[in-house]
Amino acid sequence: MEVEELNLIRALSEDLAALKVKVEGIEGMLETLVELYTDAFYEVRGEYLDKLERIRREGDFESFRDITELKRAIEAEGYDHNAKFF
């Protein structure tokens, strides 16, 4: 390739890197806006909060040191995709 072509490719690569940074920034802003919108217009029903508190108090929980240990436990017990949690 000629020097001119290499310079053009380098410039395009730099532009793509700059666009990537801008897109990631926009994604972050959109996530924040969605969270703000959700918090502003939706309210958690009291019965759900009561149910979550009851589960926290009475639930039978397991702790895992890391994600690998959790993955092994799930694979060992199997996972029921049709299980109902509430």
N, C-alpha and C. Protein backbone atom coordinates (compact mmCIF):
# COMPACT_ATOMS: atom_id res chain seq x y z
N MET A 1 0.84 -1.18 0.00
CA MET A 1 0.00 0.00 0.00
C MET A 1 0.88 1.24 0.00
N GLU A 2 0.31 2.25 -0.56
CA GLU A 2 1.04 3.51 -0.61
C GLU A 2 0.84 4.28 0.68
N VAL A 3 1.69 5.25 0.88
CA VAL A 3 1.65 6.07 2.09
C VAL A 3 0.30 6.77 2.22
N GLU A 4 -0.22 7.26 1.11
CA GLU A 4 -1.50 7.96 1.12
C GLU A 4 -2.63 7.03 1.59
N GLU A 5 -2.63 5.79 1.11
CA GLU A 5 -3.64 4.82 1.54
C GLU A 5 -3.50 4.49 3.02
N LEU A 6 -2.28 4.32 3.49
CA LEU A 6 -2.04 4.04 4.90
C LEU A 6 -2.52 5.19 5.78
N ASN A 7 -2.25 6.41 5.35
CA ASN A 7 -2.71 7.57 6.11
C ASN A 7 -4.24 7.63 6.16
N LEU A 8 -4.89 7.31 5.06
CA LEU A 8 -6.35 7.29 5.01
C LEU A 8 -6.90 6.22 5.94
N ILE A 9 -6.31 5.05 5.94
CA ILE A 9 -6.75 3.96 6.82
C ILE A 9 -6.53 4.33 8.28
N ARG A 10 -5.41 4.95 8.59
CA ARG A 10 -5.11 5.38 9.96
C ARG A 10 -6.15 6.41 10.42
N ALA A 11 -6.47 7.37 9.55
CA ALA A 11 -7.45 8.40 9.89
C ALA A 11 -8.83 7.78 10.13
N LEU A 12 -9.21 6.84 9.29
CA LEU A 12 -10.50 6.15 9.47
C LEU A 12 -10.53 5.38 10.78
N SER A 13 -9.43 4.73 11.09
CA SER A 13 -9.34 3.97 12.34
C SER A 13 -9.47 4.88 13.55
N GLU A 14 -8.82 6.03 13.51
CA GLU A 14 -8.92 6.99 14.61
C GLU A 14 -10.34 7.53 14.74
N ASP A 15 -10.99 7.80 13.60
CA ASP A 15 -12.37 8.28 13.62
C ASP A 15 -13.30 7.23 14.22
N LEU A 16 -13.09 5.97 13.86
CA LEU A 16 -13.92 4.89 14.42
C LEU A 16 -13.74 4.78 15.92
N ALA A 17 -12.52 4.92 16.38
CA ALA A 17 -12.25 4.86 17.82
C ALA A 17 -12.95 6.01 18.54
N ALA A 18 -12.92 7.20 17.95
CA ALA A 18 -13.59 8.35 18.55
C ALA A 18 -15.10 8.15 18.57
N LEU A 19 -15.65 7.61 17.50
CA LEU A 19 -17.09 7.33 17.45
C LEU A 19 -17.49 6.30 18.50
N LYS A 20 -16.65 5.29 18.69
CA LYS A 20 -16.94 4.26 19.69
C LYS A 20 -17.06 4.89 21.08
N VAL A 21 -16.16 5.79 21.41
CA VAL A 21 -16.19 6.46 22.71
C VAL A 21 -17.47 7.27 22.85
N LYS A 22 -17.85 7.98 21.79
CA LYS A 22 -19.07 8.79 21.82
C LYS A 22 -20.32 7.91 21.96
N VAL A 23 -20.37 6.81 21.24
CA VAL A 23 -21.51 5.90 21.33
C VAL A 23 -21.63 5.32 22.74
N GLU A 24 -20.52 4.93 23.33
CA GLU A 24 -20.54 4.41 24.70
C GLU A 24 -21.05 5.47 25.68
N GLY A 25 -20.66 6.72 25.46
CA GLY A 25 -21.15 7.81 26.30
C GLY A 25 -22.64 8.00 26.15
N ILE A 26 -23.13 7.94 24.91
CA ILE A 26 -24.56 8.08 24.66
C ILE A 26 -25.32 6.93 25.30
N GLU A 27 -24.79 5.71 25.21
CA GLU A 27 -25.44 4.57 25.85
C GLU A 27 -25.59 4.79 27.35
N GLY A 28 -24.54 5.31 27.98
CA GLY A 28 -24.60 5.58 29.41
C GLY A 28 -25.66 6.62 29.74
N MET A 29 -25.73 7.66 28.92
CA MET A 29 -26.74 8.70 29.15
C MET A 29 -28.15 8.14 28.98
N LEU A 30 -28.35 7.28 27.97
CA LEU A 30 -29.66 6.68 27.76
C LEU A 30 -30.06 5.79 28.93
N GLU A 31 -29.12 5.02 29.44
CA GLU A 31 -29.42 4.17 30.59
C GLU A 31 -29.84 5.03 31.78
N THR A 32 -29.16 6.14 31.98
CA THR A 32 -29.50 7.05 33.08
C THR A 32 -30.90 7.63 32.87
N LEU A 33 -31.21 8.04 31.65
CA LEU A 33 -32.53 8.60 31.36
C LEU A 33 -33.63 7.56 31.58
N VAL A 34 -33.39 6.34 31.18
CA VAL A 34 -34.38 5.28 31.39
C VAL A 34 -34.61 5.06 32.89
N GLU A 35 -33.54 5.04 33.66
CA GLU A 35 -33.67 4.88 35.11
C GLU A 35 -34.44 6.04 35.72
N LEU A 36 -34.14 7.27 35.30
CA LEU A 36 -34.85 8.43 35.82
C LEU A 36 -36.33 8.37 35.45
N TYR A 37 -36.62 8.00 34.22
CA TYR A 37 -38.00 7.89 33.76
C TYR A 37 -38.74 6.84 34.58
N THR A 38 -38.11 5.69 34.74
CA THR A 38 -38.72 4.60 35.49
C THR A 38 -38.98 5.02 36.93
N ASP A 39 -38.01 5.65 37.56
CA ASP A 39 -38.18 6.08 38.94
C ASP A 39 -39.25 7.15 39.07
N ALA A 40 -39.36 8.02 38.08
CA ALA A 40 -40.28 9.15 38.17
C ALA A 40 -41.74 8.74 37.93
N PHE A 41 -41.98 7.74 37.09
CA PHE A 41 -43.34 7.44 36.69
C PHE A 41 -43.90 6.12 37.20
N TYR A 42 -43.07 5.32 37.81
CA TYR A 42 -43.54 4.04 38.31
C TYR A 42 -43.32 3.95 39.81
N GLU A 43 -44.26 3.36 40.46
CA GLU A 43 -44.16 3.19 41.90
C GLU A 43 -44.36 1.72 42.22
N VAL A 44 -43.54 1.20 43.10
CA VAL A 44 -43.64 -0.20 43.49
C VAL A 44 -44.84 -0.36 44.41
N ARG A 45 -45.67 -1.33 44.10
CA ARG A 45 -46.84 -1.58 44.94
C ARG A 45 -46.40 -2.13 46.28
N GLY A 46 -47.08 -1.68 47.34
CA GLY A 46 -46.75 -2.08 48.69
C GLY A 46 -46.77 -3.58 48.89
N GLU A 47 -47.72 -4.26 48.23
CA GLU A 47 -47.81 -5.71 48.40
C GLU A 47 -46.55 -6.41 47.89
N TYR A 48 -45.92 -5.85 46.85
CA TYR A 48 -44.67 -6.44 46.36
C TYR A 48 -43.55 -6.23 47.37
N LEU A 49 -43.49 -5.05 47.94
CA LEU A 49 -42.48 -4.79 48.96
C LEU A 49 -42.66 -5.71 50.16
N ASP A 50 -43.92 -5.92 50.56
CA ASP A 50 -44.19 -6.83 51.67
C ASP A 50 -43.75 -8.25 51.33
N LYS A 51 -44.04 -8.66 50.10
CA LYS A 51 -43.66 -10.02 49.67
C LYS A 51 -42.14 -10.18 49.65
N LEU A 52 -41.45 -9.17 49.13
CA LEU A 52 -39.98 -9.23 49.11
C LEU A 52 -39.41 -9.27 50.52
N GLU A 53 -39.98 -8.50 51.43
CA GLU A 53 -39.51 -8.51 52.81
C GLU A 53 -39.74 -9.86 53.46
N ARG A 54 -40.90 -10.47 53.18
CA ARG A 54 -41.19 -11.80 53.73
C ARG A 54 -40.20 -12.84 53.19
N ILE A 55 -39.92 -12.76 51.92
CA ILE A 55 -38.95 -13.68 51.31
C ILE A 55 -37.58 -13.48 51.95
N ARG A 56 -37.19 -12.23 52.16
CA ARG A 56 -35.90 -11.95 52.78
C ARG A 56 -35.84 -12.52 54.20
N ARG A 57 -36.92 -12.36 54.95
CA ARG A 57 -36.95 -12.84 56.34
C ARG A 57 -37.02 -14.36 56.42
N GLU A 58 -37.88 -14.96 55.62
CA GLU A 58 -38.17 -16.38 55.76
C GLU A 58 -37.46 -17.25 54.74
N GLY A 59 -36.82 -16.64 53.77
CA GLY A 59 -36.24 -17.40 52.67
C GLY A 59 -35.08 -18.28 53.09
N ASP A 60 -34.88 -19.33 52.33
CA ASP A 60 -33.77 -20.26 52.54
C ASP A 60 -32.74 -19.95 51.45
N PHE A 61 -31.68 -19.24 51.83
CA PHE A 61 -30.72 -18.77 50.85
C PHE A 61 -29.40 -19.51 50.97
N GLU A 62 -28.71 -19.57 49.85
CA GLU A 62 -27.35 -20.12 49.82
C GLU A 62 -26.40 -19.00 49.43
N SER A 63 -25.20 -19.04 49.96
CA SER A 63 -24.17 -18.08 49.58
C SER A 63 -23.10 -18.78 48.76
N PHE A 64 -22.56 -18.06 47.81
CA PHE A 64 -21.51 -18.60 46.95
C PHE A 64 -20.33 -17.65 46.98
N ARG A 65 -19.13 -18.23 46.95
CA ARG A 65 -17.91 -17.42 46.98
C ARG A 65 -17.70 -16.65 45.69
N ASP A 66 -18.08 -17.28 44.57
CA ASP A 66 -17.89 -16.62 43.28
C ASP A 66 -18.88 -17.19 42.28
N ILE A 67 -18.87 -16.64 41.09
CA ILE A 67 -19.82 -17.04 40.05
C ILE A 67 -19.60 -18.48 39.60
N THR A 68 -18.36 -18.93 39.64
CA THR A 68 -18.06 -20.31 39.24
C THR A 68 -18.73 -21.29 40.18
N GLU A 69 -18.68 -21.02 41.47
CA GLU A 69 -19.32 -21.89 42.45
C GLU A 69 -20.84 -21.90 42.23
N LEU A 70 -21.43 -20.75 41.95
CA LEU A 70 -22.85 -20.68 41.66
C LEU A 70 -23.19 -21.49 40.42
N LYS A 71 -22.38 -21.34 39.39
CA LYS A 71 -22.61 -22.07 38.13
C LYS A 71 -22.55 -23.59 38.37
N ARG A 72 -21.58 -24.03 39.15
CA ARG A 72 -21.48 -25.47 39.45
C ARG A 72 -22.72 -25.96 40.19
N ALA A 73 -23.21 -25.17 41.14
CA ALA A 73 -24.39 -25.56 41.91
C ALA A 73 -25.61 -25.66 41.00
N ILE A 74 -25.76 -24.72 40.10
CA ILE A 74 -26.90 -24.76 39.17
C ILE A 74 -26.80 -25.97 38.26
N GLU A 75 -25.62 -26.22 37.73
CA GLU A 75 -25.43 -27.36 36.82
C GLU A 75 -25.63 -28.68 37.55
N ALA A 76 -25.22 -28.76 38.80
CA ALA A 76 -25.36 -30.00 39.57
C ALA A 76 -26.82 -30.30 39.88
N GLU A 77 -27.60 -29.27 40.19
CA GLU A 77 -29.00 -29.46 40.56
C GLU A 77 -29.93 -29.43 39.36
N GLY A 78 -29.46 -28.93 38.26
CA GLY A 78 -30.32 -28.73 37.11
C GLY A 78 -31.10 -27.44 37.30
N TYR A 79 -31.66 -26.93 36.24
CA TYR A 79 -32.39 -25.67 36.31
C TYR A 79 -33.73 -25.88 35.64
N ASP A 80 -34.79 -25.60 36.37
CA ASP A 80 -36.14 -25.71 35.84
C ASP A 80 -36.55 -24.37 35.25
N HIS A 81 -36.59 -24.29 33.93
CA HIS A 81 -36.92 -23.04 33.26
C HIS A 81 -38.38 -22.65 33.49
N ASN A 82 -39.20 -23.60 33.91
CA ASN A 82 -40.61 -23.32 34.14
C ASN A 82 -40.92 -23.03 35.60
N ALA A 83 -39.91 -22.96 36.44
CA ALA A 83 -40.13 -22.72 37.86
C ALA A 83 -40.73 -21.34 38.08
N LYS A 84 -41.63 -21.27 39.03
CA LYS A 84 -42.25 -20.00 39.38
C LYS A 84 -41.65 -19.55 40.70
N PHE A 85 -41.21 -18.32 40.73
CA PHE A 85 -40.52 -17.80 41.90
C PHE A 85 -41.46 -17.04 42.82
N PHE A 86 -42.60 -16.59 42.32
CA PHE A 86 -43.54 -15.85 43.15
C PHE A 86 -44.92 -16.43 42.99
